[in-house]
Amino acid sequence: DEDDRERVLPRLTQGQPVDCTSLKPEQHFTQPPPAYTEATLIKGLEERGIGRPSTYAPIISTLVDRHYVDRERGRLKSTKLGQVVADQLMNHFPDIMNLDFTANMEERLDEVASGEMEWVPVLRDFYDPFEDALEKAQEAMPRVRVVEETDEICDQCGRPMVIRQGRFGPFVSCSGFPECRNAHPIMKKTNVQCPKCGGDLVERKAKGRTFYGCSNYPECNFTVSSRPLEQACPECGGLLVAAGRGQARCTNCAYRGAVPEKEPADVA
């Protein structure tokens, strides 16, 4: 058709000079897929035939409770610990980590429940190769310490501080452990002052949920569940927190409305 004829190159001969009519430099980067939300993760599990409606909530809570993922603004973002665990499992248990393994196993267990299959052969088919893979992993799997470097210096021994993973989540610890046991929780500042004592409001996590509390805890126990905003309440000057897209609410009065614009910084 006409469009095809316009795209066909004219007949050319070797060595023929060709004029450059235009040059358009463009650069494209491959973007990673977006992180799962709880809803999209459940949808992906359903599409793969993995799990049942009664198991979706325990699956997500396990990922969060073991700090394999963090909830960040509605998305499940993988942690360094989660990435290391996933890599180790993929390297040493590829059959079980196959996305079709769980769906196939659940189908066979359903057949056992309905009396169509005997349970002993089903478990033997799984456990014999799993036992062999487990023995090999115990010998070959390296011990990996999940630590991340920081710019902080230990105030007790002068060595760098690192982020480690503990049973209650990540924390900052001296790289000289166990000789130096200096450690403290991770505190991500919000650049907002505590309305109760004037300390820094910092981001904290507990049981997979994010909240914001005063850095002077336990002397000051002020906390809010929503992200604090740097702008003050236009009605009472109190603390504003995020309340949806472009919206804010005051923790001190009944104000609720659009997020006020930041005042321009003074220029000397």
C-alpha atoms as a PDB file:
ATOM      1  CA  ASP A   1       0.000   0.000   0.000  1.00  0.00           C
ATOM      2  CA  GLU A   2       0.988   3.655  -0.027  1.00  0.00           C
ATOM      3  CA  ASP A   3       2.559   3.551   3.459  1.00  0.00           C
ATOM      4  CA  ASP A   4       4.730   0.556   2.535  1.00  0.00           C
ATOM      5  CA  ARG A   5       5.962   2.248  -0.640  1.00  0.00           C
ATOM      6  CA  GLU A   6       7.040   5.284   1.368  1.00  0.00           C
ATOM      7  CA  ARG A   7       9.129   3.098   3.665  1.00  0.00           C
ATOM      8  CA  VAL A   8      10.960   1.167   0.894  1.00  0.00           C
ATOM      9  CA  LEU A   9      14.552   2.331   0.345  1.00  0.00           C
ATOM     10  CA  PRO A  10      15.468   3.472  -3.172  1.00  0.00           C
ATOM     11  CA  ARG A  11      17.810   1.288  -5.218  1.00  0.00           C
ATOM     12  CA  LEU A  12      21.408   1.943  -4.151  1.00  0.00           C
ATOM     13  CA  THR A  13      24.786   0.987  -5.565  1.00  0.00           C
ATOM     14  CA  GLN A  14      28.038   0.275  -3.730  1.00  0.00           C
ATOM     15  CA  GLY A  15      30.082   3.431  -3.131  1.00  0.00           C
ATOM     16  CA  GLN A  16      27.185   5.728  -3.928  1.00  0.00           C
ATOM     17  CA  PRO A  17      27.342   8.974  -1.821  1.00  0.00           C
ATOM     18  CA  VAL A  18      24.243   9.467   0.292  1.00  0.00           C
ATOM     19  CA  ASP A  19      23.188  12.769   1.844  1.00  0.00           C
ATOM     20  CA  CYS A  20      22.336  12.851   5.568  1.00  0.00           C
ATOM     21  CA  THR A  21      19.014  14.663   5.724  1.00  0.00           C
ATOM     22  CA  SER A  22      18.623  14.421   9.532  1.00  0.00           C
ATOM     23  CA  LEU A  23      20.302  12.988  12.602  1.00  0.00           C
ATOM     24  CA  LYS A  24      18.318  12.193  15.745  1.00  0.00           C
ATOM     25  CA  PRO A  25      20.452  11.024  18.684  1.00  0.00           C
ATOM     26  CA  GLU A  26      18.242   9.100  21.121  1.00  0.00           C
ATOM     27  CA  GLN A  27      19.071   7.049  24.173  1.00  0.00           C
ATOM     28  CA  HIS A  28      16.786   4.473  25.726  1.00  0.00           C
ATOM     29  CA  PHE A  29      17.243   2.595  28.973  1.00  0.00           C
ATOM     30  CA  THR A  30      15.491  -0.635  29.824  1.00  0.00           C
ATOM     31  CA  GLN A  31      13.323   0.013  32.858  1.00  0.00           C
ATOM     32  CA  PRO A  32      12.891  -2.694  35.485  1.00  0.00           C
ATOM     33  CA  PRO A  33       9.341  -3.904  36.071  1.00  0.00           C
ATOM     34  CA  PRO A  34       7.533  -2.044  38.857  1.00  0.00           C
ATOM     35  CA  ALA A  35       7.592  -3.559  42.333  1.00  0.00           C
ATOM     36  CA  TYR A  36       4.567  -5.628  43.288  1.00  0.00           C
ATOM     37  CA  THR A  37       1.746  -4.257  45.344  1.00  0.00           C
ATOM     38  CA  GLU A  38      -0.154  -6.726  47.495  1.00  0.00           C
ATOM     39  CA  ALA A  39      -2.944  -6.737  44.898  1.00  0.00           C
ATOM     40  CA  THR A  40      -0.676  -7.353  41.885  1.00  0.00           C
ATOM     41  CA  LEU A  41       1.262 -10.049  43.774  1.00  0.00           C
ATOM     42  CA  ILE A  42      -1.957 -11.893  44.608  1.00  0.00           C
ATOM     43  CA  LYS A  43      -3.068 -11.534  40.982  1.00  0.00           C
ATOM     44  CA  GLY A  44       0.260 -13.014  39.822  1.00  0.00           C
ATOM     45  CA  LEU A  45      -0.116 -15.936  42.236  1.00  0.00           C
ATOM     46  CA  GLU A  46      -3.647 -16.578  40.983  1.00  0.00           C
ATOM     47  CA  GLU A  47      -2.516 -16.542  37.362  1.00  0.00           C
ATOM     48  CA  ARG A  48       0.213 -19.099  38.171  1.00  0.00           C
ATOM     49  CA  GLY A  49      -2.128 -21.283  40.195  1.00  0.00           C
ATOM     50  CA  ILE A  50       0.012 -20.753  43.301  1.00  0.00           C
ATOM     51  CA  GLY A  51      -1.663 -20.723  46.693  1.00  0.00           C
ATOM     52  CA  ARG A  52      -5.303 -20.451  47.651  1.00  0.00           C
ATOM     53  CA  PRO A  53      -7.348 -17.465  48.858  1.00  0.00           C
ATOM     54  CA  SER A  54      -6.762 -18.582  52.448  1.00  0.00           C
ATOM     55  CA  THR A  55      -2.967 -18.599  51.976  1.00  0.00           C
ATOM     56  CA  TYR A  56      -2.406 -15.257  50.241  1.00  0.00           C
ATOM     57  CA  ALA A  57      -2.376 -13.213  53.471  1.00  0.00           C
ATOM     58  CA  PRO A  58       0.088 -15.601  55.235  1.00  0.00           C
ATOM     59  CA  ILE A  59       2.382 -15.527  52.173  1.00  0.00           C
ATOM     60  CA  ILE A  60       2.607 -11.724  52.244  1.00  0.00           C
ATOM     61  CA  SER A  61       2.936 -11.533  56.043  1.00  0.00           C
ATOM     62  CA  THR A  62       5.812 -14.043  55.911  1.00  0.00           C
ATOM     63  CA  LEU A  63       7.668 -11.932  53.343  1.00  0.00           C
ATOM     64  CA  VAL A  64       7.226  -8.830  55.506  1.00  0.00           C
ATOM     65  CA  ASP A  65       7.825 -10.416  58.920  1.00  0.00           C
ATOM     66  CA  ARG A  66      11.087 -12.018  57.783  1.00  0.00           C
ATOM     67  CA  HIS A  67      12.184  -8.695  56.250  1.00  0.00           C
ATOM     68  CA  TYR A  68      12.466 -10.083  52.723  1.00  0.00           C
ATOM     69  CA  VAL A  69      10.419  -7.085  51.540  1.00  0.00           C
ATOM     70  CA  ASP A  70       9.501  -3.682  52.951  1.00  0.00           C
ATOM     71  CA  ARG A  71       6.221  -1.877  52.408  1.00  0.00           C
ATOM     72  CA  GLU A  72       6.990   1.456  50.768  1.00  0.00           C
ATOM     73  CA  ARG A  73       4.096   3.639  49.653  1.00  0.00           C
ATOM     74  CA  GLY A  74       1.882   0.684  48.878  1.00  0.00           C
ATOM     75  CA  ARG A  75       4.539  -1.408  47.148  1.00  0.00           C
ATOM     76  CA  LEU A  76       6.531  -4.418  48.318  1.00  0.00           C
ATOM     77  CA  LYS A  77      10.171  -3.511  47.769  1.00  0.00           C
ATOM     78  CA  SER A  78      12.723  -6.310  48.093  1.00  0.00           C
ATOM     79  CA  THR A  79      15.364  -5.885  50.775  1.00  0.00           C
ATOM     80  CA  LYS A  80      19.040  -6.810  50.560  1.00  0.00           C
ATOM     81  CA  LEU A  81      18.295  -9.815  52.769  1.00  0.00           C
ATOM     82  CA  GLY A  82      15.454 -10.904  50.495  1.00  0.00           C
ATOM     83  CA  GLN A  83      17.655 -10.653  47.405  1.00  0.00           C
ATOM     84  CA  VAL A  84      20.429 -12.732  49.018  1.00  0.00           C
ATOM     85  CA  VAL A  85      17.981 -15.399  50.196  1.00  0.00           C
ATOM     86  CA  ALA A  86      16.345 -15.569  46.755  1.00  0.00           C
ATOM     87  CA  ASP A  87      19.727 -15.914  45.011  1.00  0.00           C
ATOM     88  CA  GLN A  88      20.817 -18.704  47.368  1.00  0.00           C
ATOM     89  CA  LEU A  89      17.580 -20.613  46.918  1.00  0.00           C
ATOM     90  CA  MET A  90      17.678 -20.234  43.128  1.00  0.00           C
ATOM     91  CA  ASN A  91      21.266 -21.520  43.026  1.00  0.00           C
ATOM     92  CA  HIS A  92      20.767 -24.547  45.291  1.00  0.00           C
ATOM     93  CA  PHE A  93      17.081 -25.455  44.935  1.00  0.00           C
ATOM     94  CA  PRO A  94      16.189 -24.610  41.305  1.00  0.00           C
ATOM     95  CA  ASP A  95      13.476 -27.281  41.052  1.00  0.00           C
ATOM     96  CA  ILE A  96      11.567 -26.029  44.104  1.00  0.00           C
ATOM     97  CA  MET A  97      12.061 -22.367  43.128  1.00  0.00           C
ATOM     98  CA  ASN A  98      10.576 -23.077  39.709  1.00  0.00           C
ATOM     99  CA  LEU A  99       7.359 -21.052  39.438  1.00  0.00           C
ATOM    100  CA  ASP A 100       5.428 -24.150  38.341  1.00  0.00           C
ATOM    101  CA  PHE A 101       6.541 -26.304  41.289  1.00  0.00           C
ATOM    102  CA  THR A 102       4.018 -25.039  43.855  1.00  0.00           C
ATOM    103  CA  ALA A 103       1.101 -25.096  41.403  1.00  0.00           C
ATOM    104  CA  ASN A 104       1.884 -28.670  40.338  1.00  0.00           C
ATOM    105  CA  MET A 105       2.328 -29.804  43.950  1.00  0.00           C
ATOM    106  CA  GLU A 106      -0.975 -28.243  44.987  1.00  0.00           C
ATOM    107  CA  GLU A 107      -2.759 -30.009  42.120  1.00  0.00           C
ATOM    108  CA  ARG A 108      -1.325 -33.355  43.250  1.00  0.00           C
ATOM    109  CA  LEU A 109      -2.306 -32.695  46.871  1.00  0.00           C
ATOM    110  CA  ASP A 110      -5.834 -31.868  45.705  1.00  0.00           C
ATOM    111  CA  GLU A 111      -5.898 -35.255  43.959  1.00  0.00           C
ATOM    112  CA  VAL A 112      -4.726 -36.889  47.189  1.00  0.00           C
ATOM    113  CA  ALA A 113      -7.514 -35.125  49.094  1.00  0.00           C
ATOM    114  CA  SER A 114     -10.099 -36.343  46.569  1.00  0.00           C
ATOM    115  CA  GLY A 115      -8.802 -39.940  46.733  1.00  0.00           C
ATOM    116  CA  GLU A 116      -7.449 -39.994  43.178  1.00  0.00           C
ATOM    117  CA  MET A 117      -3.814 -40.480  44.289  1.00  0.00           C
ATOM    118  CA  GLU A 118      -1.983 -42.145  47.176  1.00  0.00           C
ATOM    119  CA  TRP A 119      -0.171 -39.682  49.455  1.00  0.00           C
ATOM    120  CA  VAL A 120       2.962 -41.757  50.081  1.00  0.00           C
ATOM    121  CA  PRO A 121       4.176 -41.827  46.430  1.00  0.00           C
ATOM    122  CA  VAL A 122       3.463 -38.095  46.120  1.00  0.00           C
ATOM    123  CA  LEU A 123       5.609 -37.248  49.138  1.00  0.00           C
ATOM    124  CA  ARG A 124       8.333 -39.694  48.093  1.00  0.00           C
ATOM    125  CA  ASP A 125       8.555 -38.098  44.641  1.00  0.00           C
ATOM    126  CA  PHE A 126       9.116 -34.743  46.372  1.00  0.00           C
ATOM    127  CA  TYR A 127      11.264 -35.686  49.338  1.00  0.00           C
ATOM    128  CA  ASP A 128      13.867 -37.991  47.745  1.00  0.00           C
ATOM    129  CA  PRO A 129      15.293 -35.336  45.356  1.00  0.00           C
ATOM    130  CA  PHE A 130      14.779 -32.600  47.982  1.00  0.00           C
ATOM    131  CA  GLU A 131      16.808 -34.529  50.567  1.00  0.00           C
ATOM    132  CA  ASP A 132      19.641 -34.916  48.068  1.00  0.00           C
ATOM    133  CA  ALA A 133      19.556 -31.197  47.167  1.00  0.00           C
ATOM    134  CA  LEU A 134      19.481 -30.259  50.864  1.00  0.00           C
ATOM    135  CA  GLU A 135      22.599 -32.304  51.652  1.00  0.00           C
ATOM    136  CA  LYS A 136      24.471 -30.734  48.750  1.00  0.00           C
ATOM    137  CA  ALA A 137      23.350 -27.219  49.790  1.00  0.00           C
ATOM    138  CA  GLN A 138      24.571 -27.760  53.360  1.00  0.00           C
ATOM    139  CA  GLU A 139      28.031 -28.473  51.981  1.00  0.00           C
ATOM    140  CA  ALA A 140      28.189 -25.995  49.105  1.00  0.00           C
ATOM    141  CA  MET A 141      26.061 -23.025  50.203  1.00  0.00           C
ATOM    142  CA  PRO A 142      28.348 -20.221  51.421  1.00  0.00           C
ATOM    143  CA  ARG A 143      27.634 -18.236  54.568  1.00  0.00           C
ATOM    144  CA  VAL A 144      26.677 -14.724  53.510  1.00  0.00           C
ATOM    145  CA  ARG A 145      26.671 -11.787  55.903  1.00  0.00           C
ATOM    146  CA  VAL A 146      24.127  -9.250  54.748  1.00  0.00           C
ATOM    147  CA  VAL A 147      25.682  -5.888  55.549  1.00  0.00           C
ATOM    148  CA  GLU A 148      25.502  -2.497  53.842  1.00  0.00           C
ATOM    149  CA  GLU A 149      28.107   0.224  54.233  1.00  0.00           C
ATOM    150  CA  THR A 150      27.227   3.635  55.659  1.00  0.00           C
ATOM    151  CA  ASP A 151      29.005   6.987  55.957  1.00  0.00           C
ATOM    152  CA  GLU A 152      28.668   6.858  59.745  1.00  0.00           C
ATOM    153  CA  ILE A 153      31.734   6.342  61.976  1.00  0.00           C
ATOM    154  CA  CYS A 154      31.535   4.481  65.278  1.00  0.00           C
ATOM    155  CA  ASP A 155      31.804   6.980  68.144  1.00  0.00           C
ATOM    156  CA  GLN A 156      33.384   4.333  70.375  1.00  0.00           C
ATOM    157  CA  CYS A 157      36.183   2.841  68.263  1.00  0.00           C
ATOM    158  CA  GLY A 158      36.345   4.931  65.070  1.00  0.00           C
ATOM    159  CA  ARG A 159      35.545   2.096  62.657  1.00  0.00           C
ATOM    160  CA  PRO A 160      32.838   2.364  59.964  1.00  0.00           C
ATOM    161  CA  MET A 161      29.265   1.559  60.900  1.00  0.00           C
ATOM    162  CA  VAL A 162      27.309  -0.884  58.738  1.00  0.00           C
ATOM    163  CA  ILE A 163      23.677  -1.901  58.354  1.00  0.00           C
ATOM    164  CA  ARG A 164      23.015  -5.457  59.523  1.00  0.00           C
ATOM    165  CA  GLN A 165      19.918  -7.614  59.532  1.00  0.00           C
ATOM    166  CA  GLY A 166      18.508  -8.758  62.857  1.00  0.00           C
ATOM    167  CA  ARG A 167      15.464 -10.713  63.966  1.00  0.00           C
ATOM    168  CA  PHE A 168      13.557  -7.430  64.327  1.00  0.00           C
ATOM    169  CA  GLY A 169      14.791  -5.920  61.061  1.00  0.00           C
ATOM    170  CA  PRO A 170      17.810  -3.887  59.935  1.00  0.00           C
ATOM    171  CA  PHE A 171      19.906  -1.914  62.401  1.00  0.00           C
ATOM    172  CA  VAL A 172      23.200   0.007  62.424  1.00  0.00           C
ATOM    173  CA  SER A 173      26.153  -1.729  64.031  1.00  0.00           C
ATOM    174  CA  CYS A 174      29.914  -1.280  64.262  1.00  0.00           C
ATOM    175  CA  SER A 175      31.876  -3.171  61.605  1.00  0.00           C
ATOM    176  CA  GLY A 176      34.231  -4.210  64.401  1.00  0.00           C
ATOM    177  CA  PHE A 177      31.647  -6.532  65.961  1.00  0.00           C
ATOM    178  CA  PRO A 178      32.093  -8.569  68.180  1.00  0.00           C
ATOM    179  CA  GLU A 179      35.043  -6.568  69.550  1.00  0.00           C
ATOM    180  CA  CYS A 180      32.871  -3.431  69.490  1.00  0.00           C
ATOM    181  CA  ARG A 181      29.166  -3.867  70.180  1.00  0.00           C
ATOM    182  CA  ASN A 182      28.079  -0.296  69.480  1.00  0.00           C
ATOM    183  CA  ALA A 183      24.704  -0.352  67.707  1.00  0.00           C
ATOM    184  CA  HIS A 184      21.531   1.671  67.309  1.00  0.00           C
ATOM    185  CA  PRO A 185      18.283   1.541  65.296  1.00  0.00           C
ATOM    186  CA  ILE A 186      18.140   2.976  61.795  1.00  0.00           C
ATOM    187  CA  MET A 187      16.695   6.468  61.898  1.00  0.00           C
ATOM    188  CA  LYS A 188      15.603   8.040  58.625  1.00  0.00           C
ATOM    189  CA  LYS A 189      15.030  11.750  59.234  1.00  0.00           C
ATOM    190  CA  THR A 190      11.998  13.552  57.822  1.00  0.00           C
ATOM    191  CA  ASN A 191      13.339  17.118  58.309  1.00  0.00           C
ATOM    192  CA  VAL A 192      10.317  17.760  60.534  1.00  0.00           C
ATOM    193  CA  GLN A 193      10.485  18.614  64.225  1.00  0.00           C
ATOM    194  CA  CYS A 194       8.498  16.801  66.881  1.00  0.00           C
ATOM    195  CA  PRO A 195       5.621  19.069  68.004  1.00  0.00           C
ATOM    196  CA  LYS A 196       5.918  17.709  71.524  1.00  0.00           C
ATOM    197  CA  CYS A 197       9.624  18.218  72.340  1.00  0.00           C
ATOM    198  CA  GLY A 198      11.284  19.700  69.232  1.00  0.00           C
ATOM    199  CA  GLY A 199      13.313  16.584  68.421  1.00  0.00           C
ATOM    200  CA  ASP A 200      13.647  15.084  64.938  1.00  0.00           C
ATOM    201  CA  LEU A 201      10.756  13.016  63.635  1.00  0.00           C
ATOM    202  CA  VAL A 202      12.244   9.853  62.104  1.00  0.00           C
ATOM    203  CA  GLU A 203      10.844   6.977  60.109  1.00  0.00           C
ATOM    204  CA  ARG A 204      10.530   3.702  61.980  1.00  0.00           C
ATOM    205  CA  LYS A 205       9.201   0.235  61.175  1.00  0.00           C
ATOM    206  CA  ALA A 206       7.403  -2.302  63.329  1.00  0.00           C
ATOM    207  CA  LYS A 207       5.822  -5.563  62.164  1.00  0.00           C
ATOM    208  CA  GLY A 208       6.245  -4.508  58.549  1.00  0.00           C
ATOM    209  CA  ARG A 209       4.422  -1.199  59.020  1.00  0.00           C
ATOM    210  CA  THR A 210       5.992   2.237  58.724  1.00  0.00           C
ATOM    211  CA  PHE A 211       5.326   4.948  61.277  1.00  0.00           C
ATOM    212  CA  TYR A 212       7.027   8.153  62.391  1.00  0.00           C
ATOM    213  CA  GLY A 213       8.244   8.853  65.901  1.00  0.00           C
ATOM    214  CA  CYS A 214      10.423  11.214  67.878  1.00  0.00           C
ATOM    215  CA  SER A 215      14.161  10.517  67.869  1.00  0.00           C
ATOM    216  CA  ASN A 216      14.197  11.261  71.616  1.00  0.00           C
ATOM    217  CA  TYR A 217      12.257   8.092  72.435  1.00  0.00           C
ATOM    218  CA  PRO A 218      11.772   6.822  75.145  1.00  0.00           C
ATOM    219  CA  GLU A 219      11.919  10.289  76.753  1.00  0.00           C
ATOM    220  CA  CYS A 220       9.365  11.441  74.141  1.00  0.00           C
ATOM    221  CA  ASN A 221       6.765   8.959  72.857  1.00  0.00           C
ATOM    222  CA  PHE A 222       5.148  11.089  70.127  1.00  0.00           C
ATOM    223  CA  THR A 223       4.229   9.052  67.009  1.00  0.00           C
ATOM    224  CA  VAL A 224       2.089   9.458  63.893  1.00  0.00           C
ATOM    225  CA  SER A 225       1.164   6.829  61.328  1.00  0.00           C
ATOM    226  CA  SER A 226       1.171   9.183  58.307  1.00  0.00           C
ATOM    227  CA  ARG A 227       4.179  10.917  56.734  1.00  0.00           C
ATOM    228  CA  PRO A 228       4.915  14.300  58.389  1.00  0.00           C
ATOM    229  CA  LEU A 229       5.106  17.331  56.100  1.00  0.00           C
ATOM    230  CA  GLU A 230       7.540  20.214  56.392  1.00  0.00           C
ATOM    231  CA  GLN A 231       4.795  22.792  55.920  1.00  0.00           C
ATOM    232  CA  ALA A 232       2.954  24.001  59.027  1.00  0.00           C
ATOM    233  CA  CYS A 233      -0.824  23.987  59.366  1.00  0.00           C
ATOM    234  CA  PRO A 234      -2.166  27.210  57.799  1.00  0.00           C
ATOM    235  CA  GLU A 235      -4.788  27.554  60.558  1.00  0.00           C
ATOM    236  CA  CYS A 236      -2.990  26.745  63.807  1.00  0.00           C
ATOM    237  CA  GLY A 237       0.676  26.251  62.847  1.00  0.00           C
ATOM    238  CA  GLY A 238       0.562  22.615  64.013  1.00  0.00           C
ATOM    239  CA  LEU A 239       2.028  19.495  62.438  1.00  0.00           C
ATOM    240  CA  LEU A 240       0.657  18.490  59.045  1.00  0.00           C
ATOM    241  CA  VAL A 241       0.721  14.891  57.801  1.00  0.00           C
ATOM    242  CA  ALA A 242      -0.018  13.436  54.374  1.00  0.00           C
ATOM    243  CA  ALA A 243      -3.658  12.479  53.831  1.00  0.00           C
ATOM    244  CA  GLY A 244      -3.803  11.229  50.266  1.00  0.00           C
ATOM    245  CA  ARG A 245      -2.555  12.601  46.979  1.00  0.00           C
ATOM    246  CA  GLY A 246      -1.885  16.314  47.391  1.00  0.00           C
ATOM    247  CA  GLN A 247      -3.906  16.422  50.626  1.00  0.00           C
ATOM    248  CA  ALA A 248      -2.892  17.064  54.223  1.00  0.00           C
ATOM    249  CA  ARG A 249      -4.470  17.019  57.655  1.00  0.00           C
ATOM    250  CA  CYS A 250      -3.433  18.669  60.903  1.00  0.00           C
ATOM    251  CA  THR A 251      -2.650  16.611  64.007  1.00  0.00           C
ATOM    252  CA  ASN A 252      -3.545  19.543  66.252  1.00  0.00           C
ATOM    253  CA  CYS A 253      -6.773  20.940  64.797  1.00  0.00           C
ATOM    254  CA  ALA A 254      -9.535  19.945  62.389  1.00  0.00           C
ATOM    255  CA  TYR A 255      -7.801  21.325  59.277  1.00  0.00           C
ATOM    256  CA  ARG A 256      -7.901  19.058  56.226  1.00  0.00           C
ATOM    257  CA  GLY A 257      -7.166  20.297  52.723  1.00  0.00           C
ATOM    258  CA  ALA A 258      -4.584  20.762  49.999  1.00  0.00           C
ATOM    259  CA  VAL A 259      -0.934  20.669  50.959  1.00  0.00           C
ATOM    260  CA  PRO A 260       0.214  24.290  51.378  1.00  0.00           C
ATOM    261  CA  GLU A 261       3.033  25.520  49.165  1.00  0.00           C
ATOM    262  CA  LYS A 262       6.462  25.728  50.733  1.00  0.00           C
ATOM    263  CA  GLU A 263       7.655  29.200  51.526  1.00  0.00           C
ATOM    264  CA  PRO A 264      10.637  30.247  49.372  1.00  0.00           C
ATOM    265  CA  ALA A 265      13.971  30.138  51.164  1.00  0.00           C
ATOM    266  CA  ASP A 266      15.529  33.464  52.092  1.00  0.00           C
ATOM    267  CA  VAL A 267      18.254  34.550  49.702  1.00  0.00           C
ATOM    268  CA  ALA A 268      21.069  36.614  51.186  1.00  0.00           C
END
